[in-house]
Amino acid sequence: MTTLQNSAGSLIREWRTRRRMSQLDLAMEAEISQRHLSFVESGRAVPSRDMVLHLAEQLSIPLRQRNQLLLAAGFAPSFGERSLSDATLAPAMAAVEIVLKGHEPFPALAVDRHWNLVSANAAIAPFLADVSEASLLTPPVNVLRLSLHPGGIAPRIVNLQEWRTHLLERLKHQNDASGDPGLIDLERELRTYPSGLNGSRPAPVEPNAIVHPLRLAHGDQVLSFISTITVFGTPLDVTLSELAIESFFPADEQTRTVLVRLAKEQAERS
């Protein structure tokens, strides 16, 4: 979606279609008449600033795209977009570091809207040692590219096909929600990487499984992880709204033991 080529009404219609909502659905959610919404989408009625923001809220439009919608309607952006080094974001970035450090000896990392690495804790380091493609570790490090590229971590992912499918589904959902051209290009690139099947059929999901684990070879052992995603609540800054922390937890006692040992060895070396 490009603001210069679209009116506010057509953008609202595009977002409504993306959310699979009819005009009646959105009108009822927004508590306005379907006739008025139809006039807004067709350009026969000019929405006020408050109406633009109200419809954007009902459509769960990301803050970055809400600014674009406001510009298309002839209004100034409502949400700031600061760099991560901006002094006003210092308390939030400090909170990120507290979460990352507090999660040790288990791995955790923070990424921006394009899955570029913002920060990571010390527990990540041992798992990057065997990355053969040095450019993958050159900033900005894209976490999804690093994970699925054959020169990255992919050769050590035991359940690569399963994990690749999981990551691509997450990225597709993110693309559906945001319509970000950069993410669309990233998804297109990642789908060209090897699937890990090598002509075989995907492994069946274990009947007692509760999540898709990441199973990673480490020496002669296989470490198993489950993960969670953390975002800031009620952000008013575009950059902050797009920041996410992924925390990995051991899925079994063997993995926990190895991670604790690695952290102890790392502390002894430093």
Protein backbone atom coordinates (compact mmCIF):
# COMPACT_ATOMS: atom_id res chain seq x y z
CA MET A 1 0.00 0.00 0.00
CA THR A 2 1.36 3.44 -0.91
CA THR A 3 -0.17 6.56 0.56
CA LEU A 4 0.65 8.69 -2.48
CA GLN A 5 -1.37 6.42 -4.77
CA ASN A 6 -4.35 5.83 -2.51
CA SER A 7 -6.99 7.99 -0.90
CA ALA A 8 -7.90 7.49 2.73
CA GLY A 9 -11.16 5.84 1.67
CA SER A 10 -9.48 3.31 -0.60
CA LEU A 11 -6.93 2.50 2.10
CA ILE A 12 -9.70 1.88 4.61
CA ARG A 13 -11.37 -0.41 2.09
CA GLU A 14 -8.09 -2.28 1.52
CA TRP A 15 -7.57 -2.78 5.25
CA ARG A 16 -11.19 -3.87 5.68
CA THR A 17 -10.72 -6.44 2.91
CA ARG A 18 -7.42 -7.56 4.46
CA ARG A 19 -9.25 -8.14 7.74
CA ARG A 20 -11.99 -10.06 5.89
CA MET A 21 -14.71 -7.71 7.13
CA SER A 22 -17.75 -6.58 5.20
CA GLN A 23 -18.83 -2.94 5.23
CA LEU A 24 -21.64 -3.93 7.57
CA ASP A 25 -19.21 -5.70 9.92
CA LEU A 26 -16.94 -2.65 10.17
CA ALA A 27 -19.83 -0.21 10.45
CA MET A 28 -21.26 -2.18 13.36
CA GLU A 29 -17.88 -2.40 15.09
CA ALA A 30 -17.32 1.34 14.61
CA GLU A 31 -20.93 2.16 15.57
CA ILE A 32 -21.52 4.19 12.42
CA SER A 33 -23.96 3.67 9.57
CA GLN A 34 -22.99 1.45 6.67
CA ARG A 35 -24.06 4.28 4.36
CA HIS A 36 -21.57 6.67 5.96
CA LEU A 37 -18.77 4.09 5.74
CA SER A 38 -19.62 3.50 2.09
CA PHE A 39 -19.37 7.22 1.41
CA VAL A 40 -15.99 7.39 3.19
CA GLU A 41 -14.58 4.47 1.21
CA SER A 42 -15.84 5.84 -2.11
CA GLY A 43 -14.53 9.34 -1.39
CA ARG A 44 -18.01 10.92 -1.30
CA ALA A 45 -17.49 11.79 2.36
CA VAL A 46 -14.27 13.17 3.90
CA PRO A 47 -13.55 11.53 7.29
CA SER A 48 -12.43 13.64 10.23
CA ARG A 49 -9.15 12.93 11.98
CA ASP A 50 -11.03 11.28 14.85
CA MET A 51 -12.98 9.09 12.42
CA VAL A 52 -9.78 7.98 10.67
CA LEU A 53 -8.23 6.97 13.99
CA HIS A 54 -11.45 5.34 15.14
CA LEU A 55 -11.71 3.18 12.02
CA ALA A 56 -8.01 2.35 12.22
CA GLU A 57 -8.54 1.14 15.79
CA GLN A 58 -11.44 -1.11 14.77
CA LEU A 59 -9.32 -2.53 11.96
CA SER A 60 -6.29 -3.10 14.25
CA ILE A 61 -4.08 -1.20 11.82
CA PRO A 62 -0.44 -0.97 13.02
CA LEU A 63 0.76 2.47 14.16
CA ARG A 64 3.06 2.94 11.17
CA GLN A 65 0.19 2.37 8.76
CA ARG A 66 -2.14 4.56 10.85
CA ASN A 67 0.24 7.44 10.19
CA GLN A 68 0.10 6.66 6.48
CA LEU A 69 -3.69 6.62 6.62
CA LEU A 70 -3.74 10.00 8.36
CA LEU A 71 -1.43 11.46 5.71
CA ALA A 72 -3.70 10.12 2.96
CA ALA A 73 -6.63 11.85 4.66
CA GLY A 74 -4.73 15.16 4.77
CA PHE A 75 -3.76 15.08 8.46
CA ALA A 76 -0.41 15.10 10.22
CA PRO A 77 0.83 11.77 11.62
CA SER A 78 -0.33 11.06 15.16
CA PHE A 79 2.40 8.68 16.32
CA GLY A 80 6.08 9.47 16.69
CA GLU A 81 8.81 7.33 15.16
CA ARG A 82 12.03 7.61 17.12
CA SER A 83 15.29 5.76 16.66
CA LEU A 84 16.11 3.11 19.23
CA SER A 85 18.94 5.32 20.48
CA ASP A 86 16.60 8.27 21.17
CA ALA A 87 16.80 9.39 24.79
CA THR A 88 13.02 9.23 25.20
CA LEU A 89 13.11 5.49 24.46
CA ALA A 90 15.86 4.86 27.04
CA PRO A 91 13.49 3.53 29.74
CA ALA A 92 11.94 1.08 27.26
CA MET A 93 15.33 -0.09 25.97
CA ALA A 94 16.53 -0.52 29.54
CA ALA A 95 13.49 -2.71 30.16
CA VAL A 96 14.43 -4.81 27.11
CA GLU A 97 17.94 -5.35 28.47
CA ILE A 98 16.57 -6.30 31.90
CA VAL A 99 14.32 -8.92 30.31
CA LEU A 100 17.15 -10.30 28.15
CA LYS A 101 19.66 -10.44 31.01
CA GLY A 102 17.10 -11.82 33.44
CA HIS A 103 16.33 -14.71 31.08
CA GLU A 104 19.88 -16.10 31.25
CA PRO A 105 21.09 -18.84 31.17
CA PHE A 106 18.41 -19.34 28.51
CA PRO A 107 18.60 -17.58 25.11
CA ALA A 108 16.56 -14.45 24.37
CA LEU A 109 16.73 -11.77 21.70
CA ALA A 110 14.97 -8.58 20.64
CA VAL A 111 14.07 -7.84 17.01
CA ASP A 112 12.59 -4.95 15.05
CA ARG A 113 9.69 -5.07 12.57
CA HIS A 114 11.82 -6.67 9.86
CA TRP A 115 13.25 -9.30 12.24
CA ASN A 116 16.60 -7.52 12.41
CA LEU A 117 18.46 -8.21 15.64
CA VAL A 118 18.34 -5.32 18.10
CA SER A 119 19.90 -7.02 21.12
CA ALA A 120 20.50 -10.48 22.56
CA ASN A 121 21.72 -11.99 25.79
CA ALA A 122 24.92 -13.96 26.32
CA ALA A 123 23.15 -17.32 26.05
CA ILE A 124 22.76 -16.82 22.28
CA ALA A 125 26.51 -16.80 21.55
CA PRO A 126 27.32 -20.55 21.75
CA PHE A 127 24.73 -21.32 19.07
CA LEU A 128 26.28 -19.00 16.48
CA ALA A 129 29.73 -20.58 16.50
CA ASP A 130 29.16 -22.87 13.49
CA VAL A 131 27.58 -20.30 11.15
CA SER A 132 29.57 -20.74 7.91
CA GLU A 133 28.23 -17.69 6.03
CA ALA A 134 29.96 -14.75 7.75
CA SER A 135 27.75 -12.17 6.01
CA LEU A 136 24.75 -13.50 7.95
CA LEU A 137 26.37 -12.16 11.14
CA THR A 138 27.15 -8.74 9.65
CA PRO A 139 24.79 -6.06 11.04
CA PRO A 140 21.94 -5.72 10.51
CA VAL A 141 21.58 -9.40 11.37
CA ASN A 142 18.24 -10.72 10.17
CA VAL A 143 17.17 -13.44 12.59
CA LEU A 144 14.90 -15.30 10.15
CA ARG A 145 17.52 -15.27 7.40
CA LEU A 146 20.15 -16.46 9.89
CA SER A 147 17.84 -19.27 11.04
CA LEU A 148 16.83 -20.67 7.65
CA HIS A 149 19.78 -19.91 5.37
CA PRO A 150 21.82 -23.07 4.53
CA GLY A 151 24.95 -21.19 5.61
CA GLY A 152 23.37 -20.18 8.92
CA ILE A 153 21.82 -22.19 11.74
CA ALA A 154 19.62 -24.32 9.46
CA PRO A 155 22.05 -27.27 9.11
CA ARG A 156 21.90 -27.72 12.91
CA ILE A 157 18.11 -27.57 13.17
CA VAL A 158 17.07 -31.20 13.54
CA ASN A 159 13.41 -30.52 12.70
CA LEU A 160 14.18 -27.95 9.99
CA GLN A 161 11.09 -28.63 7.87
CA GLU A 162 8.77 -28.27 10.86
CA TRP A 163 10.53 -25.15 12.20
CA ARG A 164 10.77 -23.57 8.74
CA THR A 165 7.02 -24.06 8.23
CA HIS A 166 6.35 -22.53 11.64
CA LEU A 167 8.51 -19.45 10.94
CA LEU A 168 7.05 -18.91 7.47
CA GLU A 169 3.51 -19.13 8.85
CA ARG A 170 4.38 -16.53 11.50
CA LEU A 171 5.85 -14.28 8.85
CA LYS A 172 2.82 -14.70 6.60
CA HIS A 173 0.47 -13.76 9.46
CA GLN A 174 2.63 -10.70 10.11
CA ASN A 175 2.47 -9.79 6.42
CA ASP A 176 -1.31 -10.17 6.43
CA ALA A 177 -1.52 -7.89 9.46
CA SER A 178 0.87 -5.17 8.30
CA GLY A 179 1.15 -5.27 4.50
CA ASP A 180 4.83 -4.32 4.87
CA PRO A 181 6.69 -4.57 1.50
CA GLY A 182 9.97 -5.36 3.29
CA LEU A 183 8.43 -8.35 5.03
CA ILE A 184 6.81 -9.53 1.81
CA ASP A 185 10.24 -9.50 0.12
CA LEU A 186 11.76 -11.33 3.10
CA GLU A 187 9.09 -14.05 2.96
CA ARG A 188 9.67 -14.46 -0.78
CA GLU A 189 13.42 -14.86 -0.19
CA LEU A 190 13.05 -17.32 2.69
CA ARG A 191 10.77 -19.57 0.66
CA THR A 192 13.65 -20.14 -1.80
CA TYR A 193 15.82 -21.71 0.92
CA PRO A 194 16.01 -25.53 1.24
CA SER A 195 13.03 -27.01 3.07
CA GLY A 196 14.96 -29.73 4.88
CA LEU A 197 12.79 -32.51 3.45
CA ASN A 198 15.31 -33.96 0.95
CA GLY A 199 12.51 -35.87 -0.75
CA SER A 200 11.16 -37.36 2.46
CA ARG A 201 7.75 -36.76 3.99
CA PRO A 202 7.36 -34.33 6.92
CA ALA A 203 7.68 -35.95 10.33
CA PRO A 204 4.30 -36.41 12.03
CA VAL A 205 3.49 -34.19 14.98
CA GLU A 206 3.83 -36.06 18.27
CA PRO A 207 0.36 -36.78 19.69
CA ASN A 208 1.26 -35.37 23.13
CA ALA A 209 3.00 -32.25 21.81
CA ILE A 210 1.79 -28.86 23.11
CA VAL A 211 3.90 -26.54 20.90
CA HIS A 212 6.27 -26.67 17.94
CA PRO A 213 9.71 -27.05 19.55
CA LEU A 214 13.00 -25.89 18.06
CA ARG A 215 15.34 -28.90 18.13
CA LEU A 216 18.94 -27.83 17.70
CA ALA A 217 22.01 -30.06 17.38
CA HIS A 218 24.80 -29.07 19.77
CA GLY A 219 27.79 -31.37 19.59
CA ASP A 220 26.49 -34.92 20.08
CA GLN A 221 23.32 -33.71 21.81
CA VAL A 222 20.00 -32.33 20.65
CA LEU A 223 18.66 -29.33 22.56
CA SER A 224 14.93 -28.69 22.54
CA PHE A 225 13.32 -25.26 23.03
CA ILE A 226 9.91 -23.67 23.29
CA SER A 227 9.55 -19.92 22.90
CA THR A 228 7.39 -16.93 23.83
CA ILE A 229 7.00 -13.48 22.26
CA THR A 230 6.82 -10.31 24.37
CA VAL A 231 5.78 -6.87 23.08
CA PHE A 232 5.18 -3.53 24.78
CA GLY A 233 1.63 -2.84 25.91
CA THR A 234 -0.18 0.30 24.63
CA PRO A 235 2.80 1.82 22.77
CA LEU A 236 2.42 5.30 21.27
CA ASP A 237 5.69 5.25 19.32
CA VAL A 238 5.92 3.42 15.99
CA THR A 239 9.40 1.99 16.62
CA LEU A 240 8.49 0.76 20.08
CA SER A 241 5.26 -0.82 18.82
CA GLU A 242 7.30 -2.92 16.37
CA LEU A 243 9.86 -4.19 18.90
CA ALA A 244 9.49 -7.80 20.07
CA ILE A 245 11.42 -10.04 22.46
CA GLU A 246 11.59 -13.78 21.78
CA SER A 247 12.56 -15.85 24.80
CA PHE A 248 13.57 -19.50 24.49
CA PHE A 249 12.95 -21.97 27.31
CA PRO A 250 14.31 -25.51 27.69
CA ALA A 251 11.69 -28.05 26.66
CA ASP A 252 13.35 -30.85 28.62
CA GLU A 253 15.72 -31.39 31.53
CA GLN A 254 18.68 -32.30 29.31
CA THR A 255 18.47 -28.94 27.54
CA ARG A 256 18.22 -27.11 30.86
CA THR A 257 21.31 -28.89 32.18
CA VAL A 258 23.37 -28.11 29.06
CA LEU A 259 22.39 -24.41 29.09
CA VAL A 260 23.30 -24.04 32.76
CA ARG A 261 26.66 -25.72 32.10
CA LEU A 262 27.40 -23.51 29.08
CA ALA A 263 26.61 -20.37 31.07
CA LYS A 264 28.94 -21.52 33.87
CA GLU A 265 31.75 -22.24 31.40
CA GLN A 266 31.28 -18.85 29.75
CA ALA A 267 31.40 -17.09 33.12
CA GLU A 268 34.61 -18.90 34.04
CA ARG A 269 36.27 -17.81 30.80
CA SER A 270 35.35 -14.14 31.23
